[in-house]
Amino acid sequence: MRKKTKIFKDQVRRELTIERTVAIPLQYAWDGWTKPEHIARWWGPKEWTSTVYEMDVRPGGVWRYRLCPDNGDGEEAYCKAIYQEVIEPLRLVYIDSFTDKNWNIVENSEMYTVVTFSEVMEGSVLRIITRFNSSEELNKAEEMGMVKGFTDAFDRLEEYLISKNGGTL
């Protein structure tokens, strides 16, 4: 399957949508996104390590994680997401924020995020819709590499789950 990430930017709604069809069954894609032992293996850009400190996937539950560049070139990022809606295996809604090292949310960093999972003949379609507080925040996220980061993450998710299942799903 040819990997193709689709990107849609809506300045009026302040949304960035990133969509990808992956060769992974729907339940595997869901598990890969909602279980800490899996998401720590692929979340974030290539050559970055994700450490999950807490992941309680239920409405009101919290996901605390850190992203750190493997080569030490760049700043580590501490983040906290609070789940708003969980509909297994189809939809996650959470508010993702940057935090300081003590998990205090950085002002104006909240991103309303919807992740949808749908089954297709080729595997699953994953769609991430991120709504920003302002058009400036949307543009800033794009400039700092959010699209590349999600594209890398989709690659890593697919590679990880295929390798975990012996090359076949």
C-alpha atoms as a PDB file:
ATOM      1  CA  MET A   1       0.000   0.000   0.000  1.00  0.00           C
ATOM      2  CA  ARG A   2       1.280   3.449  -0.877  1.00  0.00           C
ATOM      3  CA  LYS A   3       1.512   5.580   2.232  1.00  0.00           C
ATOM      4  CA  LYS A   4      -0.205   8.898   1.770  1.00  0.00           C
ATOM      5  CA  THR A   5      -0.994  11.350   4.476  1.00  0.00           C
ATOM      6  CA  LYS A   6      -3.728  13.846   3.662  1.00  0.00           C
ATOM      7  CA  ILE A   7      -3.590  17.273   5.242  1.00  0.00           C
ATOM      8  CA  PHE A   8      -6.463  19.757   5.456  1.00  0.00           C
ATOM      9  CA  LYS A   9      -6.087  23.194   7.003  1.00  0.00           C
ATOM     10  CA  ASP A  10      -9.130  25.311   7.863  1.00  0.00           C
ATOM     11  CA  GLN A  11      -8.186  28.820   9.027  1.00  0.00           C
ATOM     12  CA  VAL A  12     -11.804  29.779   9.748  1.00  0.00           C
ATOM     13  CA  ARG A  13     -12.387  26.850  12.114  1.00  0.00           C
ATOM     14  CA  ARG A  14      -8.718  26.977  13.267  1.00  0.00           C
ATOM     15  CA  GLU A  15      -8.368  23.258  12.523  1.00  0.00           C
ATOM     16  CA  LEU A  16      -5.663  21.038  11.178  1.00  0.00           C
ATOM     17  CA  THR A  17      -6.849  17.631   9.950  1.00  0.00           C
ATOM     18  CA  ILE A  18      -4.360  14.873   9.237  1.00  0.00           C
ATOM     19  CA  GLU A  19      -5.643  11.621   7.750  1.00  0.00           C
ATOM     20  CA  ARG A  20      -3.957   8.387   6.826  1.00  0.00           C
ATOM     21  CA  THR A  21      -5.014   4.922   5.689  1.00  0.00           C
ATOM     22  CA  VAL A  22      -2.854   2.313   7.418  1.00  0.00           C
ATOM     23  CA  ALA A  23      -2.596  -1.421   6.770  1.00  0.00           C
ATOM     24  CA  ILE A  24      -3.768  -2.263  10.273  1.00  0.00           C
ATOM     25  CA  PRO A  25      -7.093  -3.780  11.373  1.00  0.00           C
ATOM     26  CA  LEU A  26      -9.363  -1.379  13.235  1.00  0.00           C
ATOM     27  CA  GLN A  27      -8.992  -2.984  16.681  1.00  0.00           C
ATOM     28  CA  TYR A  28      -5.172  -3.018  16.385  1.00  0.00           C
ATOM     29  CA  ALA A  29      -5.199   0.666  15.447  1.00  0.00           C
ATOM     30  CA  TRP A  30      -7.411   1.430  18.461  1.00  0.00           C
ATOM     31  CA  ASP A  31      -5.232  -0.615  20.825  1.00  0.00           C
ATOM     32  CA  GLY A  32      -2.117   1.017  19.416  1.00  0.00           C
ATOM     33  CA  TRP A  33      -3.580   4.414  20.265  1.00  0.00           C
ATOM     34  CA  THR A  34      -5.085   3.639  23.678  1.00  0.00           C
ATOM     35  CA  LYS A  35      -2.690   1.270  25.446  1.00  0.00           C
ATOM     36  CA  PRO A  36       0.416   2.820  27.041  1.00  0.00           C
ATOM     37  CA  GLU A  37       2.683  -0.109  26.202  1.00  0.00           C
ATOM     38  CA  HIS A  38       1.914   0.443  22.514  1.00  0.00           C
ATOM     39  CA  ILE A  39       1.658   4.218  22.168  1.00  0.00           C
ATOM     40  CA  ALA A  40       5.038   4.722  23.848  1.00  0.00           C
ATOM     41  CA  ARG A  41       6.603   2.782  20.953  1.00  0.00           C
ATOM     42  CA  TRP A  42       5.370   5.076  18.174  1.00  0.00           C
ATOM     43  CA  TRP A  43       3.933   8.396  19.429  1.00  0.00           C
ATOM     44  CA  GLY A  44       5.812  11.416  18.140  1.00  0.00           C
ATOM     45  CA  PRO A  45       8.234  12.126  15.307  1.00  0.00           C
ATOM     46  CA  LYS A  46      10.903   9.682  14.147  1.00  0.00           C
ATOM     47  CA  GLU A  47      14.008   9.740  16.321  1.00  0.00           C
ATOM     48  CA  TRP A  48      12.048  10.946  19.333  1.00  0.00           C
ATOM     49  CA  THR A  49      11.185   8.881  22.396  1.00  0.00           C
ATOM     50  CA  SER A  50       7.797   8.998  24.035  1.00  0.00           C
ATOM     51  CA  THR A  51       7.497   8.209  27.733  1.00  0.00           C
ATOM     52  CA  VAL A  52       4.001   7.600  29.084  1.00  0.00           C
ATOM     53  CA  TYR A  53       3.561   8.452  32.758  1.00  0.00           C
ATOM     54  CA  GLU A  54      -0.182   7.910  32.939  1.00  0.00           C
ATOM     55  CA  MET A  55      -2.859   6.810  30.482  1.00  0.00           C
ATOM     56  CA  ASP A  56      -6.411   6.420  31.731  1.00  0.00           C
ATOM     57  CA  VAL A  57      -8.553   6.192  28.588  1.00  0.00           C
ATOM     58  CA  ARG A  58     -12.042   7.123  29.801  1.00  0.00           C
ATOM     59  CA  PRO A  59     -13.994  10.382  29.966  1.00  0.00           C
ATOM     60  CA  GLY A  60     -12.226  12.537  32.551  1.00  0.00           C
ATOM     61  CA  GLY A  61      -9.148  10.295  32.427  1.00  0.00           C
ATOM     62  CA  VAL A  62      -5.673  11.711  31.897  1.00  0.00           C
ATOM     63  CA  TRP A  63      -2.799  10.877  29.553  1.00  0.00           C
ATOM     64  CA  ARG A  64       0.532  12.366  30.677  1.00  0.00           C
ATOM     65  CA  TYR A  65       3.527  11.938  28.412  1.00  0.00           C
ATOM     66  CA  ARG A  66       6.897  13.377  27.480  1.00  0.00           C
ATOM     67  CA  LEU A  67       8.506  13.611  24.048  1.00  0.00           C
ATOM     68  CA  CYS A  68      12.282  13.818  23.923  1.00  0.00           C
ATOM     69  CA  PRO A  69      14.623  13.967  20.885  1.00  0.00           C
ATOM     70  CA  ASP A  70      16.894  10.917  20.771  1.00  0.00           C
ATOM     71  CA  ASN A  71      19.954  12.963  19.759  1.00  0.00           C
ATOM     72  CA  GLY A  72      19.437  15.632  22.433  1.00  0.00           C
ATOM     73  CA  ASP A  73      18.973  18.268  19.734  1.00  0.00           C
ATOM     74  CA  GLY A  74      15.815  20.113  20.699  1.00  0.00           C
ATOM     75  CA  GLU A  75      13.642  20.645  23.708  1.00  0.00           C
ATOM     76  CA  GLU A  76      11.732  17.887  25.400  1.00  0.00           C
ATOM     77  CA  ALA A  77       7.991  18.447  25.577  1.00  0.00           C
ATOM     78  CA  TYR A  78       5.780  17.565  28.514  1.00  0.00           C
ATOM     79  CA  CYS A  79       2.118  17.139  27.633  1.00  0.00           C
ATOM     80  CA  LYS A  80      -1.153  16.266  29.298  1.00  0.00           C
ATOM     81  CA  ALA A  81      -4.378  15.217  27.607  1.00  0.00           C
ATOM     82  CA  ILE A  82      -7.736  14.991  29.340  1.00  0.00           C
ATOM     83  CA  TYR A  83     -10.218  12.657  27.669  1.00  0.00           C
ATOM     84  CA  GLN A  84     -13.646  14.103  26.945  1.00  0.00           C
ATOM     85  CA  GLU A  85     -15.192  11.226  24.978  1.00  0.00           C
ATOM     86  CA  VAL A  86     -14.195   7.605  24.364  1.00  0.00           C
ATOM     87  CA  ILE A  87     -16.173   5.406  21.959  1.00  0.00           C
ATOM     88  CA  GLU A  88     -14.242   2.156  21.440  1.00  0.00           C
ATOM     89  CA  PRO A  89     -12.994   1.469  18.739  1.00  0.00           C
ATOM     90  CA  LEU A  90     -14.181   4.484  16.759  1.00  0.00           C
ATOM     91  CA  ARG A  91     -13.520   7.813  18.441  1.00  0.00           C
ATOM     92  CA  LEU A  92     -11.391   9.611  21.013  1.00  0.00           C
ATOM     93  CA  VAL A  93     -11.865  13.234  22.016  1.00  0.00           C
ATOM     94  CA  TYR A  94      -9.384  14.921  24.314  1.00  0.00           C
ATOM     95  CA  ILE A  95      -7.889  18.279  25.147  1.00  0.00           C
ATOM     96  CA  ASP A  96      -4.128  18.045  24.707  1.00  0.00           C
ATOM     97  CA  SER A  97      -1.886  20.677  26.305  1.00  0.00           C
ATOM     98  CA  PHE A  98       1.760  21.434  26.796  1.00  0.00           C
ATOM     99  CA  THR A  99       2.786  21.452  30.453  1.00  0.00           C
ATOM    100  CA  ASP A 100       5.779  22.294  32.568  1.00  0.00           C
ATOM    101  CA  LYS A 101       7.738  19.471  34.237  1.00  0.00           C
ATOM    102  CA  ASN A 102       5.250  19.510  37.130  1.00  0.00           C
ATOM    103  CA  TRP A 103       2.330  18.882  34.745  1.00  0.00           C
ATOM    104  CA  ASN A 104       0.921  22.402  35.088  1.00  0.00           C
ATOM    105  CA  ILE A 105      -0.729  23.367  31.801  1.00  0.00           C
ATOM    106  CA  VAL A 106       1.041  26.076  29.809  1.00  0.00           C
ATOM    107  CA  GLU A 107      -1.364  28.950  29.224  1.00  0.00           C
ATOM    108  CA  ASN A 108      -3.084  29.000  25.806  1.00  0.00           C
ATOM    109  CA  SER A 109      -1.583  25.659  24.751  1.00  0.00           C
ATOM    110  CA  GLU A 110      -4.822  23.652  24.800  1.00  0.00           C
ATOM    111  CA  MET A 111      -5.679  21.823  21.588  1.00  0.00           C
ATOM    112  CA  TYR A 112      -9.115  20.238  21.199  1.00  0.00           C
ATOM    113  CA  THR A 113      -8.365  16.927  19.486  1.00  0.00           C
ATOM    114  CA  VAL A 114     -10.660  14.373  17.856  1.00  0.00           C
ATOM    115  CA  VAL A 115      -9.244  11.066  16.638  1.00  0.00           C
ATOM    116  CA  THR A 116     -11.491   8.850  14.529  1.00  0.00           C
ATOM    117  CA  PHE A 117     -10.931   5.287  13.394  1.00  0.00           C
ATOM    118  CA  SER A 118     -12.817   3.704  10.517  1.00  0.00           C
ATOM    119  CA  GLU A 119     -12.443   0.338   8.849  1.00  0.00           C
ATOM    120  CA  VAL A 120     -11.736   0.100   5.119  1.00  0.00           C
ATOM    121  CA  MET A 121     -10.682  -2.763   2.865  1.00  0.00           C
ATOM    122  CA  GLU A 122      -7.015  -1.677   3.077  1.00  0.00           C
ATOM    123  CA  GLY A 123      -7.057  -1.560   6.890  1.00  0.00           C
ATOM    124  CA  SER A 124      -8.059   1.528   8.852  1.00  0.00           C
ATOM    125  CA  VAL A 125      -8.428   5.226   8.229  1.00  0.00           C
ATOM    126  CA  LEU A 126      -7.073   7.317  11.088  1.00  0.00           C
ATOM    127  CA  ARG A 127      -8.071  10.960  11.211  1.00  0.00           C
ATOM    128  CA  ILE A 128      -6.811  13.521  13.712  1.00  0.00           C
ATOM    129  CA  ILE A 129      -8.614  16.844  13.869  1.00  0.00           C
ATOM    130  CA  THR A 130      -6.903  19.417  16.060  1.00  0.00           C
ATOM    131  CA  ARG A 131      -8.627  22.719  16.831  1.00  0.00           C
ATOM    132  CA  PHE A 132      -6.460  25.573  18.032  1.00  0.00           C
ATOM    133  CA  ASN A 133      -7.294  28.635  20.135  1.00  0.00           C
ATOM    134  CA  SER A 134      -6.373  30.974  17.271  1.00  0.00           C
ATOM    135  CA  SER A 135      -5.258  30.979  13.644  1.00  0.00           C
ATOM    136  CA  GLU A 136      -1.847  32.106  14.878  1.00  0.00           C
ATOM    137  CA  GLU A 137      -1.557  28.994  17.068  1.00  0.00           C
ATOM    138  CA  LEU A 138      -2.563  26.817  14.106  1.00  0.00           C
ATOM    139  CA  ASN A 139       0.113  28.395  11.912  1.00  0.00           C
ATOM    140  CA  LYS A 140       2.698  28.133  14.698  1.00  0.00           C
ATOM    141  CA  ALA A 141       1.990  24.410  15.176  1.00  0.00           C
ATOM    142  CA  GLU A 142       2.371  23.831  11.464  1.00  0.00           C
ATOM    143  CA  GLU A 143       5.647  25.793  11.396  1.00  0.00           C
ATOM    144  CA  MET A 144       7.078  23.819  14.319  1.00  0.00           C
ATOM    145  CA  GLY A 145       6.549  20.557  12.430  1.00  0.00           C
ATOM    146  CA  MET A 146       3.221  19.161  13.609  1.00  0.00           C
ATOM    147  CA  VAL A 147       2.331  17.773  10.156  1.00  0.00           C
ATOM    148  CA  LYS A 148       5.694  16.022   9.808  1.00  0.00           C
ATOM    149  CA  GLY A 149       5.417  14.769  13.376  1.00  0.00           C
ATOM    150  CA  PHE A 150       2.030  13.153  12.753  1.00  0.00           C
ATOM    151  CA  THR A 151       3.190  11.758   9.396  1.00  0.00           C
ATOM    152  CA  ASP A 152       6.184  10.188  11.160  1.00  0.00           C
ATOM    153  CA  ALA A 153       3.920   8.911  13.940  1.00  0.00           C
ATOM    154  CA  PHE A 154       1.584   7.200  11.459  1.00  0.00           C
ATOM    155  CA  ASP A 155       4.612   5.518   9.841  1.00  0.00           C
ATOM    156  CA  ARG A 156       5.865   4.399  13.244  1.00  0.00           C
ATOM    157  CA  LEU A 157       2.436   3.118  14.339  1.00  0.00           C
ATOM    158  CA  GLU A 158       2.026   1.014  11.225  1.00  0.00           C
ATOM    159  CA  GLU A 159       5.598  -0.342  11.338  1.00  0.00           C
ATOM    160  CA  TYR A 160       5.381  -1.131  15.054  1.00  0.00           C
ATOM    161  CA  LEU A 161       2.067  -2.987  14.913  1.00  0.00           C
ATOM    162  CA  ILE A 162       3.024  -4.959  11.812  1.00  0.00           C
ATOM    163  CA  SER A 163       6.370  -5.990  13.368  1.00  0.00           C
ATOM    164  CA  LYS A 164       4.664  -6.822  16.678  1.00  0.00           C
ATOM    165  CA  ASN A 165       2.370  -9.226  14.857  1.00  0.00           C
ATOM    166  CA  GLY A 166       5.103 -11.081  12.966  1.00  0.00           C
ATOM    167  CA  GLY A 167       4.831  -9.060   9.774  1.00  0.00           C
ATOM    168  CA  THR A 168       1.226 -10.012   9.144  1.00  0.00           C
ATOM    169  CA  LEU A 169      -1.975  -8.645  10.499  1.00  0.00           C
END
